[in-house]
Amino acid sequence: MKENKELQEAPQTVEEQQTAKPAGAWKRLISKKWAYPAIYMAAAAIIFSLMWWYQGTVSDKLTGSDTTAGSAITEPDKAKPTSPDDAVPANATVEEMAWPVTDHTVLDVVSNYYDKNASAEEKAASMLQYGDQFIPQTGIALAREDNQTFDILATKSGKVTAVDKQPLVGQFVEITHPDGLVTVYQSLDNVKVAVGAEVKKGDLIAQAGRNELEKDEGIHLHFEVRQGESTLNPMDVLPK
């Protein structure tokens, strides 16, 4: 009996001791008062990082890092830097901008430009919702009360530098003007111009149509004004 007891109490092998040490160390670690808060904070940090990564991935799809739906917004919405060729000569006459429609008084501004200096209520009204994403409005949307189409006109003379159709913004036209400004017309139908065409102020370029991003607006025109890499509030440059 004594011999059996001695055998049972015999020292563990080196391998058994090495296996037991980590388990004992782990028990001692989690017995500390700070162990569980530390584990909780580490887990929360990992979860937050994953959420941040996910939001960034979705945002990239809407801003053009992805080649599918994202390109619909990025291609027409990303402003192009003004090149030296677009500079206005010192003696050139700057042409005043006109409304992109025949008679703006019969149309409603159904969506306003997102102004960071506006009130919280105005900012909220200037956000576009696409799925679970909210996107600041980079132009204005014009529509008729009866939801009928209307003619879209060039606001200034210039050169057509883009004509395309994208999944979210629909058909669009981009015109670069001699003073460096760029006007963008989205949600179009029956486009009348092609890339490289020279247009005059008031020329017919398309008719109002629909798009996916602003489908709640029905038939409308989305109009933007850009300068360099920035967008301008169209209401600040259009005739009052």
C-alpha atoms as a PDB file:
ATOM      1  CA  MET A   1       0.000   0.000   0.000  1.00  0.00           C
ATOM      2  CA  LYS A   2       2.833   2.356   0.897  1.00  0.00           C
ATOM      3  CA  GLU A   3       4.514   1.518  -2.401  1.00  0.00           C
ATOM      4  CA  ASN A   4       1.309   2.307  -4.353  1.00  0.00           C
ATOM      5  CA  LYS A   5       0.938   5.600  -2.528  1.00  0.00           C
ATOM      6  CA  GLU A   6       4.487   6.553  -3.376  1.00  0.00           C
ATOM      7  CA  LEU A   7       3.819   5.712  -7.012  1.00  0.00           C
ATOM      8  CA  GLN A   8       0.700   7.879  -7.046  1.00  0.00           C
ATOM      9  CA  GLU A   9       2.607  10.751  -5.487  1.00  0.00           C
ATOM     10  CA  ALA A  10       5.581  10.334  -7.774  1.00  0.00           C
ATOM     11  CA  PRO A  11       6.756  13.547  -9.489  1.00  0.00           C
ATOM     12  CA  GLN A  12       5.300  14.298 -12.877  1.00  0.00           C
ATOM     13  CA  THR A  13       7.380  13.811 -15.970  1.00  0.00           C
ATOM     14  CA  VAL A  14       8.983  16.830 -17.638  1.00  0.00           C
ATOM     15  CA  GLU A  15       6.375  16.667 -20.403  1.00  0.00           C
ATOM     16  CA  GLU A  16       3.519  16.612 -17.872  1.00  0.00           C
ATOM     17  CA  GLN A  17       5.011  19.525 -15.948  1.00  0.00           C
ATOM     18  CA  GLN A  18       5.327  21.578 -19.148  1.00  0.00           C
ATOM     19  CA  THR A  19       1.711  20.809 -20.012  1.00  0.00           C
ATOM     20  CA  ALA A  20       0.477  21.775 -16.595  1.00  0.00           C
ATOM     21  CA  LYS A  21       2.352  25.059 -16.336  1.00  0.00           C
ATOM     22  CA  PRO A  22       0.408  26.951 -19.022  1.00  0.00           C
ATOM     23  CA  ALA A  23      -2.902  25.863 -17.539  1.00  0.00           C
ATOM     24  CA  GLY A  24      -1.826  26.976 -14.081  1.00  0.00           C
ATOM     25  CA  ALA A  25      -0.470  30.245 -15.435  1.00  0.00           C
ATOM     26  CA  TRP A  26      -3.744  30.882 -17.265  1.00  0.00           C
ATOM     27  CA  LYS A  27      -5.755  30.259 -14.080  1.00  0.00           C
ATOM     28  CA  ARG A  28      -3.531  32.634 -12.144  1.00  0.00           C
ATOM     29  CA  LEU A  29      -3.895  35.249 -14.890  1.00  0.00           C
ATOM     30  CA  ILE A  30      -7.701  35.213 -15.059  1.00  0.00           C
ATOM     31  CA  SER A  31      -7.868  35.255 -11.253  1.00  0.00           C
ATOM     32  CA  LYS A  32      -6.531  38.805 -11.316  1.00  0.00           C
ATOM     33  CA  LYS A  33      -9.135  41.557 -10.795  1.00  0.00           C
ATOM     34  CA  TRP A  34      -8.101  43.366 -13.949  1.00  0.00           C
ATOM     35  CA  ALA A  35      -8.160  40.255 -16.169  1.00  0.00           C
ATOM     36  CA  TYR A  36     -11.816  40.253 -17.231  1.00  0.00           C
ATOM     37  CA  PRO A  37     -11.999  44.047 -17.901  1.00  0.00           C
ATOM     38  CA  ALA A  38      -8.838  43.750 -20.001  1.00  0.00           C
ATOM     39  CA  ILE A  39     -10.240  40.822 -21.978  1.00  0.00           C
ATOM     40  CA  TYR A  40     -13.518  42.724 -22.484  1.00  0.00           C
ATOM     41  CA  MET A  41     -11.695  45.832 -23.733  1.00  0.00           C
ATOM     42  CA  ALA A  42      -9.575  43.778 -26.139  1.00  0.00           C
ATOM     43  CA  ALA A  43     -12.656  42.030 -27.539  1.00  0.00           C
ATOM     44  CA  ALA A  44     -14.478  45.366 -27.885  1.00  0.00           C
ATOM     45  CA  ALA A  45     -11.498  46.828 -29.748  1.00  0.00           C
ATOM     46  CA  ILE A  46     -11.502  43.916 -32.196  1.00  0.00           C
ATOM     47  CA  ILE A  47     -15.259  44.211 -32.780  1.00  0.00           C
ATOM     48  CA  PHE A  48     -14.982  47.989 -33.289  1.00  0.00           C
ATOM     49  CA  SER A  49     -12.133  47.501 -35.785  1.00  0.00           C
ATOM     50  CA  LEU A  50     -14.194  44.995 -37.759  1.00  0.00           C
ATOM     51  CA  MET A  51     -17.183  47.371 -37.812  1.00  0.00           C
ATOM     52  CA  TRP A  52     -14.927  50.246 -38.947  1.00  0.00           C
ATOM     53  CA  TRP A  53     -13.480  48.055 -41.706  1.00  0.00           C
ATOM     54  CA  TYR A  54     -16.966  47.019 -42.825  1.00  0.00           C
ATOM     55  CA  GLN A  55     -18.215  50.606 -42.947  1.00  0.00           C
ATOM     56  CA  GLY A  56     -15.137  51.612 -44.930  1.00  0.00           C
ATOM     57  CA  THR A  57     -15.722  48.780 -47.389  1.00  0.00           C
ATOM     58  CA  VAL A  58     -19.344  49.847 -47.976  1.00  0.00           C
ATOM     59  CA  SER A  59     -18.291  53.480 -48.257  1.00  0.00           C
ATOM     60  CA  ASP A  60     -15.657  52.548 -50.867  1.00  0.00           C
ATOM     61  CA  LYS A  61     -18.345  50.871 -52.939  1.00  0.00           C
ATOM     62  CA  LEU A  62     -20.310  54.097 -52.929  1.00  0.00           C
ATOM     63  CA  THR A  63     -17.325  56.321 -53.611  1.00  0.00           C
ATOM     64  CA  GLY A  64     -15.748  54.418 -56.424  1.00  0.00           C
ATOM     65  CA  SER A  65     -13.091  52.072 -55.022  1.00  0.00           C
ATOM     66  CA  ASP A  66     -15.274  49.254 -56.322  1.00  0.00           C
ATOM     67  CA  THR A  67     -15.820  48.870 -60.062  1.00  0.00           C
ATOM     68  CA  THR A  68     -19.537  48.083 -59.822  1.00  0.00           C
ATOM     69  CA  ALA A  69     -22.081  50.345 -58.170  1.00  0.00           C
ATOM     70  CA  GLY A  70     -19.453  52.671 -56.716  1.00  0.00           C
ATOM     71  CA  SER A  71     -18.305  53.838 -60.122  1.00  0.00           C
ATOM     72  CA  ALA A  72     -21.782  55.177 -60.760  1.00  0.00           C
ATOM     73  CA  ILE A  73     -21.248  57.905 -58.212  1.00  0.00           C
ATOM     74  CA  THR A  74     -17.547  58.450 -58.516  1.00  0.00           C
ATOM     75  CA  GLU A  75     -17.197  58.837 -62.277  1.00  0.00           C
ATOM     76  CA  PRO A  76     -19.510  61.849 -62.654  1.00  0.00           C
ATOM     77  CA  ASP A  77     -19.261  63.133 -59.085  1.00  0.00           C
ATOM     78  CA  LYS A  78     -15.506  63.266 -58.670  1.00  0.00           C
ATOM     79  CA  ALA A  79     -14.365  66.716 -59.730  1.00  0.00           C
ATOM     80  CA  LYS A  80     -11.462  66.971 -62.147  1.00  0.00           C
ATOM     81  CA  PRO A  81      -8.606  69.398 -61.493  1.00  0.00           C
ATOM     82  CA  THR A  82      -8.528  72.398 -63.763  1.00  0.00           C
ATOM     83  CA  SER A  83      -5.724  72.173 -66.307  1.00  0.00           C
ATOM     84  CA  PRO A  84      -3.650  75.150 -67.527  1.00  0.00           C
ATOM     85  CA  ASP A  85      -5.472  74.939 -70.878  1.00  0.00           C
ATOM     86  CA  ASP A  86      -8.699  75.821 -69.067  1.00  0.00           C
ATOM     87  CA  ALA A  87      -7.314  79.039 -67.618  1.00  0.00           C
ATOM     88  CA  VAL A  88      -9.171  82.221 -68.584  1.00  0.00           C
ATOM     89  CA  PRO A  89      -7.144  84.755 -70.613  1.00  0.00           C
ATOM     90  CA  ALA A  90      -6.717  88.121 -68.896  1.00  0.00           C
ATOM     91  CA  ASN A  91      -8.721  89.932 -71.565  1.00  0.00           C
ATOM     92  CA  ALA A  92     -11.461  87.293 -71.887  1.00  0.00           C
ATOM     93  CA  THR A  93     -15.091  88.132 -71.139  1.00  0.00           C
ATOM     94  CA  VAL A  94     -16.553  85.843 -68.487  1.00  0.00           C
ATOM     95  CA  GLU A  95     -19.923  84.502 -69.601  1.00  0.00           C
ATOM     96  CA  GLU A  96     -22.685  84.620 -67.006  1.00  0.00           C
ATOM     97  CA  MET A  97     -24.292  81.323 -66.052  1.00  0.00           C
ATOM     98  CA  ALA A  98     -27.926  80.627 -66.939  1.00  0.00           C
ATOM     99  CA  TRP A  99     -30.374  78.123 -65.502  1.00  0.00           C
ATOM    100  CA  PRO A 100     -30.145  74.663 -67.108  1.00  0.00           C
ATOM    101  CA  VAL A 101     -33.836  74.794 -68.076  1.00  0.00           C
ATOM    102  CA  THR A 102     -36.044  76.988 -70.228  1.00  0.00           C
ATOM    103  CA  ASP A 103     -38.088  78.433 -67.347  1.00  0.00           C
ATOM    104  CA  HIS A 104     -36.954  77.582 -63.820  1.00  0.00           C
ATOM    105  CA  THR A 105     -39.985  79.288 -62.284  1.00  0.00           C
ATOM    106  CA  VAL A 106     -42.226  76.387 -63.317  1.00  0.00           C
ATOM    107  CA  LEU A 107     -39.911  73.887 -61.616  1.00  0.00           C
ATOM    108  CA  ASP A 108     -39.322  73.034 -57.969  1.00  0.00           C
ATOM    109  CA  VAL A 109     -35.977  72.516 -56.274  1.00  0.00           C
ATOM    110  CA  VAL A 110     -36.828  69.140 -54.766  1.00  0.00           C
ATOM    111  CA  SER A 111     -33.384  68.534 -53.269  1.00  0.00           C
ATOM    112  CA  ASN A 112     -30.875  71.133 -52.079  1.00  0.00           C
ATOM    113  CA  TYR A 113     -27.080  71.202 -52.027  1.00  0.00           C
ATOM    114  CA  TYR A 114     -25.541  69.957 -48.774  1.00  0.00           C
ATOM    115  CA  ASP A 115     -24.081  73.016 -47.024  1.00  0.00           C
ATOM    116  CA  LYS A 116     -21.877  72.245 -44.011  1.00  0.00           C
ATOM    117  CA  ASN A 117     -22.749  75.667 -42.579  1.00  0.00           C
ATOM    118  CA  ALA A 118     -26.514  75.090 -42.794  1.00  0.00           C
ATOM    119  CA  SER A 119     -28.753  74.198 -39.871  1.00  0.00           C
ATOM    120  CA  ALA A 120     -29.030  70.601 -38.694  1.00  0.00           C
ATOM    121  CA  GLU A 121     -32.523  70.372 -40.214  1.00  0.00           C
ATOM    122  CA  GLU A 122     -31.322  71.669 -43.602  1.00  0.00           C
ATOM    123  CA  LYS A 123     -28.378  69.279 -43.563  1.00  0.00           C
ATOM    124  CA  ALA A 124     -30.646  66.331 -42.853  1.00  0.00           C
ATOM    125  CA  ALA A 125     -32.914  67.342 -45.749  1.00  0.00           C
ATOM    126  CA  SER A 126     -29.874  67.483 -48.075  1.00  0.00           C
ATOM    127  CA  MET A 127     -28.824  63.866 -47.511  1.00  0.00           C
ATOM    128  CA  LEU A 128     -29.557  61.169 -50.065  1.00  0.00           C
ATOM    129  CA  GLN A 129     -30.287  57.692 -48.751  1.00  0.00           C
ATOM    130  CA  TYR A 130     -29.064  54.692 -50.719  1.00  0.00           C
ATOM    131  CA  GLY A 131     -29.619  51.440 -48.888  1.00  0.00           C
ATOM    132  CA  ASP A 132     -28.243  51.988 -45.395  1.00  0.00           C
ATOM    133  CA  GLN A 133     -25.904  54.769 -46.527  1.00  0.00           C
ATOM    134  CA  PHE A 134     -26.542  58.531 -46.356  1.00  0.00           C
ATOM    135  CA  ILE A 135     -24.778  60.612 -49.004  1.00  0.00           C
ATOM    136  CA  PRO A 136     -24.502  64.430 -48.986  1.00  0.00           C
ATOM    137  CA  GLN A 137     -26.252  66.053 -51.938  1.00  0.00           C
ATOM    138  CA  THR A 138     -23.542  67.523 -54.206  1.00  0.00           C
ATOM    139  CA  GLY A 139     -25.900  69.550 -56.394  1.00  0.00           C
ATOM    140  CA  ILE A 140     -29.569  70.431 -56.684  1.00  0.00           C
ATOM    141  CA  ALA A 141     -32.468  68.450 -58.132  1.00  0.00           C
ATOM    142  CA  LEU A 142     -35.110  70.169 -60.272  1.00  0.00           C
ATOM    143  CA  ALA A 143     -38.477  68.629 -61.117  1.00  0.00           C
ATOM    144  CA  ARG A 144     -41.939  69.536 -62.373  1.00  0.00           C
ATOM    145  CA  GLU A 145     -44.901  69.179 -60.060  1.00  0.00           C
ATOM    146  CA  ASP A 146     -46.689  66.982 -62.619  1.00  0.00           C
ATOM    147  CA  ASN A 147     -43.638  64.668 -62.898  1.00  0.00           C
ATOM    148  CA  GLN A 148     -43.304  65.314 -66.639  1.00  0.00           C
ATOM    149  CA  THR A 149     -40.028  65.594 -68.510  1.00  0.00           C
ATOM    150  CA  PHE A 150     -38.512  68.922 -69.606  1.00  0.00           C
ATOM    151  CA  ASP A 151     -35.624  70.189 -71.734  1.00  0.00           C
ATOM    152  CA  ILE A 152     -32.109  70.466 -70.291  1.00  0.00           C
ATOM    153  CA  LEU A 153     -29.951  73.331 -71.590  1.00  0.00           C
ATOM    154  CA  ALA A 154     -26.261  74.170 -71.367  1.00  0.00           C
ATOM    155  CA  THR A 155     -25.812  76.823 -68.684  1.00  0.00           C
ATOM    156  CA  LYS A 156     -22.710  78.269 -70.378  1.00  0.00           C
ATOM    157  CA  SER A 157     -20.711  77.793 -73.560  1.00  0.00           C
ATOM    158  CA  GLY A 158     -18.075  75.098 -73.378  1.00  0.00           C
ATOM    159  CA  LYS A 159     -16.871  71.695 -74.487  1.00  0.00           C
ATOM    160  CA  VAL A 160     -18.587  68.398 -73.708  1.00  0.00           C
ATOM    161  CA  THR A 161     -15.969  66.395 -71.835  1.00  0.00           C
ATOM    162  CA  ALA A 162     -18.052  63.392 -70.722  1.00  0.00           C
ATOM    163  CA  VAL A 163     -21.210  61.581 -71.796  1.00  0.00           C
ATOM    164  CA  ASP A 164     -22.006  58.303 -70.096  1.00  0.00           C
ATOM    165  CA  LYS A 165     -24.561  56.195 -68.280  1.00  0.00           C
ATOM    166  CA  GLN A 166     -23.949  54.801 -64.788  1.00  0.00           C
ATOM    167  CA  PRO A 167     -26.089  52.472 -62.650  1.00  0.00           C
ATOM    168  CA  LEU A 168     -26.906  54.968 -59.895  1.00  0.00           C
ATOM    169  CA  VAL A 169     -26.924  58.418 -61.495  1.00  0.00           C
ATOM    170  CA  GLY A 170     -28.301  57.391 -64.890  1.00  0.00           C
ATOM    171  CA  GLN A 171     -27.267  59.172 -68.074  1.00  0.00           C
ATOM    172  CA  PHE A 172     -25.101  62.230 -67.515  1.00  0.00           C
ATOM    173  CA  VAL A 173     -23.304  64.968 -69.423  1.00  0.00           C
ATOM    174  CA  GLU A 174     -20.286  66.975 -68.260  1.00  0.00           C
ATOM    175  CA  ILE A 175     -19.370  70.319 -69.856  1.00  0.00           C
ATOM    176  CA  THR A 176     -16.075  72.097 -69.189  1.00  0.00           C
ATOM    177  CA  HIS A 177     -16.200  75.880 -69.619  1.00  0.00           C
ATOM    178  CA  PRO A 178     -13.413  78.320 -70.584  1.00  0.00           C
ATOM    179  CA  ASP A 179     -13.389  79.887 -67.087  1.00  0.00           C
ATOM    180  CA  GLY A 180     -12.478  76.541 -65.507  1.00  0.00           C
ATOM    181  CA  LEU A 181     -15.924  75.723 -64.138  1.00  0.00           C
ATOM    182  CA  VAL A 182     -17.457  72.327 -64.905  1.00  0.00           C
ATOM    183  CA  THR A 183     -21.207  71.750 -65.014  1.00  0.00           C
ATOM    184  CA  VAL A 184     -22.654  68.260 -64.621  1.00  0.00           C
ATOM    185  CA  TYR A 185     -26.163  67.184 -65.658  1.00  0.00           C
ATOM    186  CA  GLN A 186     -27.363  63.797 -64.320  1.00  0.00           C
ATOM    187  CA  SER A 187     -30.581  61.767 -64.483  1.00  0.00           C
ATOM    188  CA  LEU A 188     -31.003  62.472 -68.189  1.00  0.00           C
ATOM    189  CA  ASP A 189     -32.940  61.044 -71.091  1.00  0.00           C
ATOM    190  CA  ASN A 190     -32.574  61.544 -74.864  1.00  0.00           C
ATOM    191  CA  VAL A 191     -29.048  62.973 -74.689  1.00  0.00           C
ATOM    192  CA  LYS A 192     -28.365  65.172 -77.743  1.00  0.00           C
ATOM    193  CA  VAL A 193     -24.601  65.778 -77.474  1.00  0.00           C
ATOM    194  CA  ALA A 194     -21.410  63.738 -77.745  1.00  0.00           C
ATOM    195  CA  VAL A 195     -17.969  63.998 -76.196  1.00  0.00           C
ATOM    196  CA  GLY A 196     -15.890  66.691 -77.887  1.00  0.00           C
ATOM    197  CA  ALA A 197     -18.859  68.757 -79.049  1.00  0.00           C
ATOM    198  CA  GLU A 198     -18.714  72.524 -78.571  1.00  0.00           C
ATOM    199  CA  VAL A 199     -21.965  73.873 -77.139  1.00  0.00           C
ATOM    200  CA  LYS A 200     -23.281  77.377 -76.695  1.00  0.00           C
ATOM    201  CA  LYS A 201     -25.137  78.743 -73.728  1.00  0.00           C
ATOM    202  CA  GLY A 202     -28.799  77.703 -74.022  1.00  0.00           C
ATOM    203  CA  ASP A 203     -28.184  74.768 -76.395  1.00  0.00           C
ATOM    204  CA  LEU A 204     -30.421  71.733 -75.867  1.00  0.00           C
ATOM    205  CA  ILE A 205     -28.331  68.869 -74.493  1.00  0.00           C
ATOM    206  CA  ALA A 206     -30.935  66.374 -73.177  1.00  0.00           C
ATOM    207  CA  GLN A 207     -34.243  65.902 -71.394  1.00  0.00           C
ATOM    208  CA  ALA A 208     -34.914  65.146 -67.749  1.00  0.00           C
ATOM    209  CA  GLY A 209     -35.165  61.488 -66.790  1.00  0.00           C
ATOM    210  CA  ARG A 210     -34.813  59.167 -63.814  1.00  0.00           C
ATOM    211  CA  ASN A 211     -31.991  57.567 -61.878  1.00  0.00           C
ATOM    212  CA  GLU A 212     -31.570  54.992 -59.123  1.00  0.00           C
ATOM    213  CA  LEU A 213     -29.839  57.163 -56.531  1.00  0.00           C
ATOM    214  CA  GLU A 214     -32.634  59.763 -56.471  1.00  0.00           C
ATOM    215  CA  LYS A 215     -35.514  57.569 -57.557  1.00  0.00           C
ATOM    216  CA  ASP A 216     -37.834  59.192 -55.015  1.00  0.00           C
ATOM    217  CA  GLU A 217     -37.582  62.438 -57.009  1.00  0.00           C
ATOM    218  CA  GLY A 218     -39.165  60.834 -60.076  1.00  0.00           C
ATOM    219  CA  ILE A 219     -38.356  62.575 -63.370  1.00  0.00           C
ATOM    220  CA  HIS A 220     -35.838  65.284 -62.528  1.00  0.00           C
ATOM    221  CA  LEU A 221     -32.510  66.913 -63.318  1.00  0.00           C
ATOM    222  CA  HIS A 222     -29.561  66.603 -60.947  1.00  0.00           C
ATOM    223  CA  PHE A 223     -27.336  69.649 -61.609  1.00  0.00           C
ATOM    224  CA  GLU A 224     -23.839  70.247 -60.236  1.00  0.00           C
ATOM    225  CA  VAL A 225     -21.214  72.965 -60.529  1.00  0.00           C
ATOM    226  CA  ARG A 226     -17.581  72.120 -59.868  1.00  0.00           C
ATOM    227  CA  GLN A 227     -14.417  74.141 -59.518  1.00  0.00           C
ATOM    228  CA  GLY A 228     -11.232  72.127 -59.365  1.00  0.00           C
ATOM    229  CA  GLU A 229     -11.804  69.301 -56.923  1.00  0.00           C
ATOM    230  CA  SER A 230     -14.637  71.067 -55.087  1.00  0.00           C
ATOM    231  CA  THR A 231     -18.358  71.301 -55.725  1.00  0.00           C
ATOM    232  CA  LEU A 232     -20.119  74.659 -55.462  1.00  0.00           C
ATOM    233  CA  ASN A 233     -23.655  75.344 -54.349  1.00  0.00           C
ATOM    234  CA  PRO A 234     -25.436  75.897 -57.683  1.00  0.00           C
ATOM    235  CA  MET A 235     -27.792  78.369 -56.018  1.00  0.00           C
ATOM    236  CA  ASP A 236     -24.797  80.632 -55.347  1.00  0.00           C
ATOM    237  CA  VAL A 237     -23.813  80.874 -59.023  1.00  0.00           C
ATOM    238  CA  LEU A 238     -27.162  80.647 -60.821  1.00  0.00           C
ATOM    239  CA  PRO A 239     -29.110  83.868 -61.547  1.00  0.00           C
ATOM    240  CA  LYS A 240     -31.356  84.863 -58.647  1.00  0.00           C
END
